[in-house]
Amino acid sequence: MESKQFKENMTVWRPLSTSDIVSLVQVADRVHPGLPESNEVFAERARLFSQGCQGLFDETGELRGYIISHPILFREPPALDRLLGQIALDANQYYIHDLAILPEFRGSGSAHECLINILETVAEQYPTTSLVSVYGTAEFWGRYGFKAPETIDDKLRKKILGYGDDALYLERKNEAHSSDSRV
């Protein structure tokens, strides 16, 4: 993903490195206090699929937000705080595991810029993109074409409950595959 700089708060998106993981977990713990994940989970995802893992850095080089995303098998997102082991060779859906930006850095368009870049580049290689919406953010995700599928199986429903009572599984058709009938 190409780095973009924002004049309003002077932030830039760039690929995450292993040295960013401690700061990333601090941001995650602040934004998602009820959904803790280990350093190892984030480090593994960044190692396995670096093109889908970006950090939002301010002018001092401090991490202020991040996106963690990667391919998965259709409707098989990972459970919260679980290692992947590997990216499935036959992965057929893109998954946004987490997008988190510290409150004081929201509203500048950083999340929008990151999502557009991910959705129009890496995710476009797959028919659909999915995510688990938490904290009542389904309306935000709806602006990018995400919606709840008509039905999901019990296995997926149980997994989603691990993200909290308000968690909602969402999907979108990717533009290059808009004729795919799965969503």
N, C-alpha and C. Protein backbone atom coordinates (compact mmCIF):
# COMPACT_ATOMS: atom_id res chain seq x y z
N MET A 1 0.85 -1.17 0.00
CA MET A 1 0.00 0.00 0.00
C MET A 1 0.89 1.23 0.00
N GLU A 2 0.59 2.15 -0.85
CA GLU A 2 1.34 3.38 -0.98
C GLU A 2 1.16 4.25 0.26
N SER A 3 2.24 4.87 0.76
CA SER A 3 2.14 5.75 1.91
C SER A 3 1.43 7.02 1.53
N LYS A 4 0.57 7.47 2.42
CA LYS A 4 -0.17 8.72 2.22
C LYS A 4 0.10 9.60 3.43
N GLN A 5 0.32 10.88 3.20
CA GLN A 5 0.53 11.80 4.30
C GLN A 5 -0.66 12.73 4.41
N PHE A 6 -1.09 12.99 5.63
CA PHE A 6 -2.25 13.83 5.89
C PHE A 6 -1.77 15.12 6.53
N LYS A 7 -2.08 16.26 5.91
CA LYS A 7 -1.58 17.55 6.37
C LYS A 7 -2.18 17.95 7.71
N GLU A 8 -3.46 17.60 7.96
CA GLU A 8 -4.13 18.06 9.16
C GLU A 8 -3.41 17.61 10.44
N ASN A 9 -3.04 16.35 10.53
CA ASN A 9 -2.37 15.89 11.73
C ASN A 9 -1.03 15.23 11.42
N MET A 10 -0.57 15.38 10.21
CA MET A 10 0.75 14.90 9.79
C MET A 10 0.97 13.42 10.15
N THR A 11 0.11 12.59 9.64
CA THR A 11 0.26 11.15 9.83
C THR A 11 0.53 10.49 8.50
N VAL A 12 1.12 9.31 8.58
CA VAL A 12 1.43 8.56 7.37
C VAL A 12 1.22 7.06 7.66
N TRP A 13 0.64 6.36 6.68
CA TRP A 13 0.50 4.91 6.76
C TRP A 13 1.76 4.27 6.18
N ARG A 14 2.27 3.26 6.87
CA ARG A 14 3.40 2.49 6.34
C ARG A 14 3.30 1.06 6.86
N PRO A 15 3.99 0.13 6.18
CA PRO A 15 3.96 -1.26 6.64
C PRO A 15 4.47 -1.38 8.07
N LEU A 16 3.89 -2.30 8.81
CA LEU A 16 4.33 -2.55 10.18
C LEU A 16 5.61 -3.38 10.17
N SER A 17 6.45 -3.15 11.15
CA SER A 17 7.63 -3.98 11.35
C SER A 17 7.51 -4.66 12.71
N THR A 18 8.36 -5.63 12.96
CA THR A 18 8.30 -6.33 14.25
C THR A 18 8.54 -5.37 15.41
N SER A 19 9.31 -4.32 15.19
CA SER A 19 9.57 -3.36 16.26
C SER A 19 8.35 -2.51 16.60
N ASP A 20 7.31 -2.56 15.78
CA ASP A 20 6.09 -1.78 16.02
C ASP A 20 5.06 -2.53 16.88
N ILE A 21 5.26 -3.81 17.11
CA ILE A 21 4.22 -4.64 17.71
C ILE A 21 3.89 -4.23 19.15
N VAL A 22 4.87 -3.89 19.95
CA VAL A 22 4.59 -3.47 21.33
C VAL A 22 3.71 -2.22 21.32
N SER A 23 4.04 -1.25 20.48
CA SER A 23 3.21 -0.04 20.38
C SER A 23 1.83 -0.37 19.84
N LEU A 24 1.75 -1.29 18.88
CA LEU A 24 0.46 -1.68 18.32
C LEU A 24 -0.44 -2.27 19.41
N VAL A 25 0.11 -3.13 20.24
CA VAL A 25 -0.69 -3.74 21.31
C VAL A 25 -1.15 -2.68 22.30
N GLN A 26 -0.33 -1.66 22.55
CA GLN A 26 -0.75 -0.57 23.43
C GLN A 26 -1.93 0.18 22.83
N VAL A 27 -1.90 0.44 21.52
CA VAL A 27 -3.03 1.08 20.84
C VAL A 27 -4.25 0.16 20.91
N ALA A 28 -4.06 -1.11 20.61
CA ALA A 28 -5.17 -2.08 20.64
C ALA A 28 -5.81 -2.14 22.02
N ASP A 29 -4.99 -2.18 23.06
CA ASP A 29 -5.52 -2.26 24.43
C ASP A 29 -6.30 -1.00 24.79
N ARG A 30 -5.90 0.12 24.25
CA ARG A 30 -6.62 1.38 24.53
C ARG A 30 -7.93 1.45 23.74
N VAL A 31 -7.90 1.05 22.48
CA VAL A 31 -9.09 1.13 21.62
C VAL A 31 -10.05 -0.03 21.90
N HIS A 32 -9.51 -1.21 22.17
CA HIS A 32 -10.33 -2.41 22.38
C HIS A 32 -10.04 -3.03 23.75
N PRO A 33 -10.32 -2.34 24.85
CA PRO A 33 -9.96 -2.89 26.17
C PRO A 33 -10.64 -4.22 26.49
N GLY A 34 -11.80 -4.47 25.92
CA GLY A 34 -12.51 -5.71 26.20
C GLY A 34 -12.19 -6.84 25.23
N LEU A 35 -11.28 -6.59 24.28
CA LEU A 35 -10.95 -7.59 23.26
C LEU A 35 -9.43 -7.76 23.16
N PRO A 36 -8.78 -8.17 24.25
CA PRO A 36 -7.32 -8.25 24.23
C PRO A 36 -6.80 -9.36 23.31
N GLU A 37 -5.70 -9.04 22.65
CA GLU A 37 -4.99 -10.03 21.84
C GLU A 37 -3.50 -9.91 22.15
N SER A 38 -2.80 -11.01 22.02
CA SER A 38 -1.38 -11.05 22.38
C SER A 38 -0.49 -10.43 21.31
N ASN A 39 0.70 -10.06 21.74
CA ASN A 39 1.72 -9.57 20.82
C ASN A 39 1.96 -10.58 19.70
N GLU A 40 1.97 -11.87 20.06
CA GLU A 40 2.25 -12.92 19.10
C GLU A 40 1.22 -12.97 17.96
N VAL A 41 -0.04 -12.73 18.28
CA VAL A 41 -1.09 -12.74 17.26
C VAL A 41 -0.83 -11.65 16.23
N PHE A 42 -0.57 -10.43 16.70
CA PHE A 42 -0.32 -9.33 15.78
C PHE A 42 0.99 -9.52 15.01
N ALA A 43 2.03 -9.97 15.69
CA ALA A 43 3.31 -10.19 15.02
C ALA A 43 3.19 -11.25 13.94
N GLU A 44 2.45 -12.32 14.23
CA GLU A 44 2.29 -13.38 13.24
C GLU A 44 1.57 -12.87 12.00
N ARG A 45 0.49 -12.12 12.18
CA ARG A 45 -0.25 -11.61 11.02
C ARG A 45 0.61 -10.67 10.18
N ALA A 46 1.37 -9.80 10.84
CA ALA A 46 2.25 -8.89 10.11
C ALA A 46 3.33 -9.66 9.35
N ARG A 47 3.80 -10.74 9.93
CA ARG A 47 4.82 -11.57 9.27
C ARG A 47 4.22 -12.37 8.11
N LEU A 48 3.03 -12.94 8.32
CA LEU A 48 2.42 -13.79 7.30
C LEU A 48 1.86 -13.00 6.11
N PHE A 49 1.37 -11.77 6.36
CA PHE A 49 0.74 -11.02 5.28
C PHE A 49 1.00 -9.53 5.47
N SER A 50 2.25 -9.14 5.25
CA SER A 50 2.67 -7.76 5.52
C SER A 50 1.92 -6.73 4.69
N GLN A 51 1.51 -7.08 3.47
CA GLN A 51 0.82 -6.09 2.63
C GLN A 51 -0.54 -5.70 3.18
N GLY A 52 -1.08 -6.47 4.11
CA GLY A 52 -2.37 -6.13 4.72
C GLY A 52 -2.25 -5.57 6.12
N CYS A 53 -1.03 -5.34 6.57
CA CYS A 53 -0.80 -4.86 7.94
C CYS A 53 -0.02 -3.55 7.90
N GLN A 54 -0.70 -2.48 8.21
CA GLN A 54 -0.13 -1.14 8.12
C GLN A 54 -0.28 -0.41 9.45
N GLY A 55 0.63 0.50 9.70
CA GLY A 55 0.54 1.34 10.89
C GLY A 55 0.37 2.79 10.49
N LEU A 56 -0.36 3.53 11.30
CA LEU A 56 -0.54 4.98 11.13
C LEU A 56 0.40 5.66 12.11
N PHE A 57 1.37 6.39 11.56
CA PHE A 57 2.40 7.01 12.39
C PHE A 57 2.30 8.53 12.32
N ASP A 58 2.54 9.18 13.46
CA ASP A 58 2.53 10.65 13.47
C ASP A 58 3.91 11.18 13.11
N GLU A 59 4.04 12.50 13.14
CA GLU A 59 5.29 13.13 12.70
C GLU A 59 6.48 12.79 13.60
N THR A 60 6.22 12.29 14.82
CA THR A 60 7.32 11.90 15.71
C THR A 60 7.67 10.42 15.55
N GLY A 61 6.93 9.71 14.70
CA GLY A 61 7.17 8.29 14.50
C GLY A 61 6.40 7.39 15.45
N GLU A 62 5.50 7.98 16.24
CA GLU A 62 4.69 7.19 17.17
C GLU A 62 3.51 6.55 16.45
N LEU A 63 3.23 5.31 16.77
CA LEU A 63 2.10 4.59 16.19
C LEU A 63 0.80 5.13 16.78
N ARG A 64 -0.13 5.53 15.90
CA ARG A 64 -1.41 6.12 16.33
C ARG A 64 -2.61 5.31 15.86
N GLY A 65 -2.36 4.29 15.07
CA GLY A 65 -3.44 3.44 14.58
C GLY A 65 -2.86 2.33 13.73
N TYR A 66 -3.71 1.41 13.32
CA TYR A 66 -3.23 0.30 12.50
C TYR A 66 -4.40 -0.38 11.81
N ILE A 67 -4.06 -1.16 10.79
CA ILE A 67 -4.99 -2.11 10.18
C ILE A 67 -4.28 -3.45 10.08
N ILE A 68 -4.99 -4.50 10.46
CA ILE A 68 -4.50 -5.87 10.32
C ILE A 68 -5.51 -6.59 9.43
N SER A 69 -5.05 -7.09 8.29
CA SER A 69 -5.96 -7.76 7.35
C SER A 69 -5.18 -8.82 6.58
N HIS A 70 -5.91 -9.83 6.12
CA HIS A 70 -5.26 -10.95 5.44
C HIS A 70 -6.31 -11.84 4.79
N PRO A 71 -5.90 -12.72 3.88
CA PRO A 71 -6.83 -13.67 3.27
C PRO A 71 -7.22 -14.78 4.25
N ILE A 72 -8.44 -15.30 4.06
CA ILE A 72 -8.93 -16.44 4.83
C ILE A 72 -9.74 -17.35 3.89
N LEU A 73 -10.16 -18.48 4.40
CA LEU A 73 -11.14 -19.30 3.69
C LEU A 73 -12.51 -18.67 3.89
N PHE A 74 -13.38 -18.79 2.90
CA PHE A 74 -14.69 -18.16 2.93
C PHE A 74 -15.44 -18.43 4.24
N ARG A 75 -15.81 -17.33 4.90
CA ARG A 75 -16.56 -17.35 6.16
C ARG A 75 -15.89 -18.16 7.26
N GLU A 76 -14.54 -18.15 7.27
CA GLU A 76 -13.80 -18.81 8.34
C GLU A 76 -12.80 -17.85 8.97
N PRO A 77 -13.30 -16.74 9.55
CA PRO A 77 -12.38 -15.81 10.20
C PRO A 77 -11.76 -16.47 11.44
N PRO A 78 -10.58 -16.02 11.82
CA PRO A 78 -9.96 -16.60 13.02
C PRO A 78 -10.70 -16.17 14.28
N ALA A 79 -10.69 -17.02 15.28
CA ALA A 79 -11.23 -16.65 16.58
C ALA A 79 -10.33 -15.57 17.17
N LEU A 80 -10.86 -14.81 18.07
CA LEU A 80 -10.12 -13.75 18.74
C LEU A 80 -8.90 -14.33 19.46
N ASP A 81 -7.76 -13.66 19.32
CA ASP A 81 -6.52 -14.02 20.00
C ASP A 81 -6.03 -15.43 19.68
N ARG A 82 -6.15 -15.82 18.41
CA ARG A 82 -5.67 -17.12 17.96
C ARG A 82 -4.66 -16.95 16.84
N LEU A 83 -3.59 -17.72 16.91
CA LEU A 83 -2.60 -17.72 15.85
C LEU A 83 -3.17 -18.40 14.61
N LEU A 84 -2.72 -17.96 13.44
CA LEU A 84 -3.18 -18.54 12.17
C LEU A 84 -2.36 -19.76 11.78
N GLY A 85 -1.08 -19.74 12.08
CA GLY A 85 -0.18 -20.80 11.62
C GLY A 85 0.33 -20.51 10.23
N GLN A 86 -0.58 -20.25 9.32
CA GLN A 86 -0.24 -19.89 7.94
C GLN A 86 -1.47 -19.30 7.27
N ILE A 87 -1.24 -18.67 6.13
CA ILE A 87 -2.34 -18.23 5.27
C ILE A 87 -2.67 -19.41 4.37
N ALA A 88 -3.91 -19.83 4.35
CA ALA A 88 -4.31 -20.98 3.52
C ALA A 88 -3.98 -20.71 2.06
N LEU A 89 -3.37 -21.68 1.41
CA LEU A 89 -3.03 -21.53 -0.01
C LEU A 89 -4.27 -21.36 -0.87
N ASP A 90 -5.39 -21.92 -0.43
CA ASP A 90 -6.64 -21.79 -1.18
C ASP A 90 -7.58 -20.74 -0.58
N ALA A 91 -7.01 -19.77 0.13
CA ALA A 91 -7.82 -18.68 0.70
C ALA A 91 -8.64 -18.04 -0.41
N ASN A 92 -9.91 -17.80 -0.13
CA ASN A 92 -10.81 -17.28 -1.16
C ASN A 92 -11.67 -16.12 -0.67
N GLN A 93 -11.25 -15.50 0.42
CA GLN A 93 -11.93 -14.32 0.93
C GLN A 93 -10.90 -13.46 1.65
N TYR A 94 -11.08 -12.13 1.56
CA TYR A 94 -10.19 -11.24 2.29
C TYR A 94 -10.86 -10.89 3.61
N TYR A 95 -10.06 -10.68 4.64
CA TYR A 95 -10.58 -10.44 5.98
C TYR A 95 -9.89 -9.26 6.63
N ILE A 96 -10.67 -8.31 7.10
CA ILE A 96 -10.14 -7.19 7.88
C ILE A 96 -10.29 -7.58 9.35
N HIS A 97 -9.19 -7.94 9.95
CA HIS A 97 -9.20 -8.40 11.34
C HIS A 97 -9.42 -7.23 12.29
N ASP A 98 -8.79 -6.11 12.00
CA ASP A 98 -8.89 -4.97 12.92
C ASP A 98 -8.45 -3.69 12.22
N LEU A 99 -9.18 -2.64 12.46
CA LEU A 99 -8.80 -1.28 12.10
C LEU A 99 -9.01 -0.46 13.36
N ALA A 100 -7.94 0.10 13.89
CA ALA A 100 -8.02 0.85 15.14
C ALA A 100 -7.21 2.13 15.02
N ILE A 101 -7.82 3.24 15.39
CA ILE A 101 -7.15 4.54 15.39
C ILE A 101 -7.46 5.20 16.73
N LEU A 102 -6.42 5.73 17.37
CA LEU A 102 -6.63 6.41 18.65
C LEU A 102 -7.63 7.54 18.47
N PRO A 103 -8.49 7.77 19.48
CA PRO A 103 -9.55 8.77 19.35
C PRO A 103 -9.07 10.15 18.89
N GLU A 104 -7.95 10.60 19.38
CA GLU A 104 -7.46 11.94 19.03
C GLU A 104 -6.95 12.05 17.59
N PHE A 105 -6.87 10.91 16.89
CA PHE A 105 -6.42 10.92 15.50
C PHE A 105 -7.55 10.53 14.53
N ARG A 106 -8.75 10.39 15.06
CA ARG A 106 -9.91 10.08 14.22
C ARG A 106 -10.47 11.35 13.59
N GLY A 107 -11.20 11.17 12.50
CA GLY A 107 -11.87 12.30 11.86
C GLY A 107 -11.03 13.03 10.83
N SER A 108 -9.83 12.56 10.59
CA SER A 108 -8.94 13.23 9.62
C SER A 108 -8.98 12.57 8.25
N GLY A 109 -9.73 11.48 8.12
CA GLY A 109 -9.77 10.75 6.86
C GLY A 109 -8.76 9.62 6.79
N SER A 110 -8.01 9.40 7.84
CA SER A 110 -6.98 8.35 7.84
C SER A 110 -7.58 6.96 7.66
N ALA A 111 -8.66 6.66 8.36
CA ALA A 111 -9.29 5.34 8.22
C ALA A 111 -9.81 5.15 6.81
N HIS A 112 -10.46 6.17 6.27
CA HIS A 112 -11.00 6.10 4.91
C HIS A 112 -9.88 5.83 3.90
N GLU A 113 -8.81 6.59 4.00
CA GLU A 113 -7.69 6.43 3.06
C GLU A 113 -7.11 5.02 3.13
N CYS A 114 -6.93 4.52 4.33
CA CYS A 114 -6.39 3.17 4.51
C CYS A 114 -7.33 2.12 3.92
N LEU A 115 -8.62 2.23 4.24
CA LEU A 115 -9.58 1.25 3.75
C LEU A 115 -9.68 1.25 2.23
N ILE A 116 -9.73 2.42 1.64
CA ILE A 116 -9.80 2.50 0.18
C ILE A 116 -8.58 1.83 -0.43
N ASN A 117 -7.41 2.11 0.11
CA ASN A 117 -6.18 1.48 -0.41
C ASN A 117 -6.22 -0.04 -0.28
N ILE A 118 -6.61 -0.54 0.88
CA ILE A 118 -6.68 -1.99 1.09
C ILE A 118 -7.74 -2.61 0.19
N LEU A 119 -8.94 -2.02 0.16
CA LEU A 119 -10.05 -2.60 -0.61
C LEU A 119 -9.81 -2.56 -2.11
N GLU A 120 -9.11 -1.53 -2.58
CA GLU A 120 -8.89 -1.40 -4.03
C GLU A 120 -7.61 -2.07 -4.51
N THR A 121 -6.81 -2.57 -3.62
CA THR A 121 -5.58 -3.24 -4.05
C THR A 121 -5.58 -4.70 -3.60
N VAL A 122 -5.19 -4.94 -2.38
CA VAL A 122 -5.01 -6.30 -1.88
C VAL A 122 -6.33 -7.08 -1.87
N ALA A 123 -7.39 -6.50 -1.34
CA ALA A 123 -8.66 -7.22 -1.22
C ALA A 123 -9.30 -7.53 -2.56
N GLU A 124 -9.02 -6.73 -3.57
CA GLU A 124 -9.61 -6.91 -4.90
C GLU A 124 -9.27 -8.26 -5.53
N GLN A 125 -8.26 -8.92 -5.02
CA GLN A 125 -7.87 -10.22 -5.56
C GLN A 125 -8.84 -11.33 -5.14
N TYR A 126 -9.79 -11.00 -4.26
CA TYR A 126 -10.73 -11.98 -3.71
C TYR A 126 -12.16 -11.53 -4.02
N PRO A 127 -13.09 -12.48 -4.18
CA PRO A 127 -14.47 -12.11 -4.50
C PRO A 127 -15.14 -11.25 -3.43
N THR A 128 -14.82 -11.53 -2.17
CA THR A 128 -15.46 -10.81 -1.07
C THR A 128 -14.45 -10.44 0.00
N THR A 129 -14.84 -9.47 0.82
CA THR A 129 -14.07 -9.10 2.01
C THR A 129 -15.03 -9.20 3.18
N SER A 130 -14.53 -9.69 4.30
CA SER A 130 -15.37 -9.83 5.50
C SER A 130 -14.67 -9.20 6.70
N LEU A 131 -15.45 -9.04 7.76
CA LEU A 131 -14.93 -8.52 9.02
C LEU A 131 -15.94 -8.80 10.12
N VAL A 132 -15.52 -8.60 11.34
CA VAL A 132 -16.41 -8.67 12.49
C VAL A 132 -16.51 -7.25 13.04
N SER A 133 -17.70 -6.68 12.94
CA SER A 133 -17.94 -5.33 13.44
C SER A 133 -18.20 -5.41 14.95
N VAL A 134 -17.52 -4.55 15.71
CA VAL A 134 -17.72 -4.48 17.16
C VAL A 134 -18.04 -3.05 17.56
N TYR A 135 -18.57 -2.89 18.76
CA TYR A 135 -18.88 -1.57 19.33
C TYR A 135 -19.87 -0.78 18.48
N GLY A 136 -20.77 -1.44 17.79
CA GLY A 136 -21.80 -0.74 17.03
C GLY A 136 -21.28 0.01 15.82
N THR A 137 -20.24 -0.51 15.17
CA THR A 137 -19.63 0.18 14.03
C THR A 137 -20.17 -0.26 12.67
N ALA A 138 -21.25 -1.03 12.65
CA ALA A 138 -21.79 -1.53 11.38
C ALA A 138 -22.14 -0.40 10.42
N GLU A 139 -22.62 0.72 10.92
CA GLU A 139 -22.96 1.85 10.04
C GLU A 139 -21.71 2.38 9.35
N PHE A 140 -20.61 2.50 10.08
CA PHE A 140 -19.34 2.92 9.48
C PHE A 140 -18.96 1.97 8.35
N TRP A 141 -18.98 0.67 8.63
CA TRP A 141 -18.59 -0.32 7.63
C TRP A 141 -19.56 -0.35 6.45
N GLY A 142 -20.82 -0.04 6.70
CA GLY A 142 -21.81 0.01 5.63
C GLY A 142 -21.47 1.02 4.55
N ARG A 143 -20.78 2.08 4.91
CA ARG A 143 -20.35 3.09 3.93
C ARG A 143 -19.39 2.50 2.89
N TYR A 144 -18.80 1.38 3.20
CA TYR A 144 -17.86 0.72 2.29
C TYR A 144 -18.47 -0.54 1.67
N GLY A 145 -19.77 -0.67 1.77
CA GLY A 145 -20.47 -1.78 1.14
C GLY A 145 -20.61 -3.03 1.98
N PHE A 146 -20.19 -2.99 3.24
CA PHE A 146 -20.31 -4.16 4.10
C PHE A 146 -21.73 -4.28 4.63
N LYS A 147 -22.23 -5.51 4.64
CA LYS A 147 -23.55 -5.77 5.20
C LYS A 147 -23.58 -7.20 5.75
N ALA A 148 -24.52 -7.44 6.63
CA ALA A 148 -24.66 -8.78 7.20
C ALA A 148 -25.25 -9.72 6.15
N PRO A 149 -24.68 -10.91 5.99
CA PRO A 149 -25.28 -11.87 5.06
C PRO A 149 -26.64 -12.33 5.60
N GLU A 150 -27.48 -12.82 4.72
CA GLU A 150 -28.81 -13.27 5.14
C GLU A 150 -28.74 -14.39 6.17
N THR A 151 -27.79 -15.29 6.00
CA THR A 151 -27.63 -16.39 6.96
C THR A 151 -26.15 -16.66 7.19
N ILE A 152 -25.85 -17.16 8.38
CA ILE A 152 -24.51 -17.69 8.68
C ILE A 152 -24.70 -18.99 9.44
N ASP A 153 -23.72 -19.87 9.35
CA ASP A 153 -23.87 -21.16 10.03
C ASP A 153 -23.56 -21.03 11.52
N ASP A 154 -23.90 -22.07 12.27
CA ASP A 154 -23.73 -22.06 13.72
C ASP A 154 -22.27 -21.94 14.13
N LYS A 155 -21.38 -22.57 13.38
CA LYS A 155 -19.95 -22.51 13.69
C LYS A 155 -19.46 -21.06 13.65
N LEU A 156 -19.82 -20.33 12.60
CA LEU A 156 -19.43 -18.92 12.48
C LEU A 156 -20.11 -18.09 13.56
N ARG A 157 -21.37 -18.33 13.82
CA ARG A 157 -22.11 -17.58 14.83
C ARG A 157 -21.43 -17.71 16.19
N LYS A 158 -21.01 -18.91 16.56
CA LYS A 158 -20.34 -19.13 17.85
C LYS A 158 -19.00 -18.41 17.90
N LYS A 159 -18.27 -18.44 16.80
CA LYS A 159 -16.98 -17.76 16.74
C LYS A 159 -17.16 -16.25 16.93
N ILE A 160 -18.16 -15.68 16.28
CA ILE A 160 -18.42 -14.24 16.35
C ILE A 160 -18.77 -13.83 17.78
N LEU A 161 -19.46 -14.68 18.52
CA LEU A 161 -19.80 -14.36 19.91
C LEU A 161 -18.56 -14.11 20.76
N GLY A 162 -17.43 -14.71 20.38
CA GLY A 162 -16.18 -14.48 21.09
C GLY A 162 -15.69 -13.04 21.00
N TYR A 163 -16.25 -12.27 20.07
CA TYR A 163 -15.89 -10.87 19.90
C TYR A 163 -16.82 -9.95 20.70
N GLY A 164 -17.76 -10.51 21.44
CA GLY A 164 -18.67 -9.70 22.25
C GLY A 164 -20.11 -9.84 21.80
N ASP A 165 -21.01 -9.49 22.70
CA ASP A 165 -22.45 -9.64 22.43
C ASP A 165 -22.94 -8.80 21.26
N ASP A 166 -22.28 -7.66 21.02
CA ASP A 166 -22.73 -6.77 19.94
C ASP A 166 -22.01 -7.04 18.62
N ALA A 167 -21.15 -8.06 18.57
CA ALA A 167 -20.37 -8.35 17.36
C ALA A 167 -21.29 -8.78 16.22
N LEU A 168 -20.94 -8.35 15.03
CA LEU A 168 -21.74 -8.64 13.84
C LEU A 168 -20.81 -8.98 12.69
N TYR A 169 -21.03 -10.12 12.06
CA TYR A 169 -20.24 -10.53 10.90
C TYR A 169 -20.77 -9.80 9.67
N LEU A 170 -19.88 -9.15 8.92
CA LEU A 170 -20.25 -8.39 7.73
C LEU A 170 -19.40 -8.82 6.54
N GLU A 171 -19.97 -8.68 5.34
CA GLU A 171 -19.26 -8.98 4.09
C GLU A 171 -19.57 -7.92 3.05
N ARG A 172 -18.70 -7.85 2.06
CA ARG A 172 -18.95 -7.00 0.89
C ARG A 172 -18.42 -7.70 -0.34
N LYS A 173 -19.05 -7.44 -1.47
CA LYS A 173 -18.51 -7.91 -2.75
C LYS A 173 -17.42 -6.94 -3.16
N ASN A 174 -16.33 -7.47 -3.64
CA ASN A 174 -15.27 -6.62 -4.15
C ASN A 174 -15.58 -6.27 -5.60
N GLU A 175 -15.27 -5.06 -5.99
CA GLU A 175 -15.66 -4.52 -7.31
C GLU A 175 -15.27 -5.43 -8.47
N ALA A 176 -14.07 -5.95 -8.46
CA ALA A 176 -13.60 -6.78 -9.57
C ALA A 176 -14.39 -8.08 -9.69
N HIS A 177 -15.12 -8.41 -8.64
CA HIS A 177 -15.87 -9.68 -8.61
C HIS A 177 -17.35 -9.43 -8.36
N SER A 178 -17.87 -8.30 -8.78
CA SER A 178 -19.24 -7.91 -8.41
C SER A 178 -20.32 -8.86 -8.91
N SER A 179 -20.00 -9.73 -9.85
CA SER A 179 -21.00 -10.69 -10.32
C SER A 179 -21.03 -11.96 -9.47
N ASP A 180 -20.11 -12.10 -8.50
CA ASP A 180 -20.09 -13.27 -7.63
C ASP A 180 -21.37 -13.28 -6.79
N SER A 181 -22.05 -14.38 -6.72
CA SER A 181 -23.35 -14.45 -6.05
C SER A 181 -23.28 -14.85 -4.58
N ARG A 182 -22.08 -15.01 -4.01
CA ARG A 182 -22.00 -15.49 -2.63
C ARG A 182 -22.45 -14.47 -1.59
N VAL A 183 -22.40 -13.20 -1.90
CA VAL A 183 -22.81 -12.19 -0.91
C VAL A 183 -24.08 -11.55 -1.36
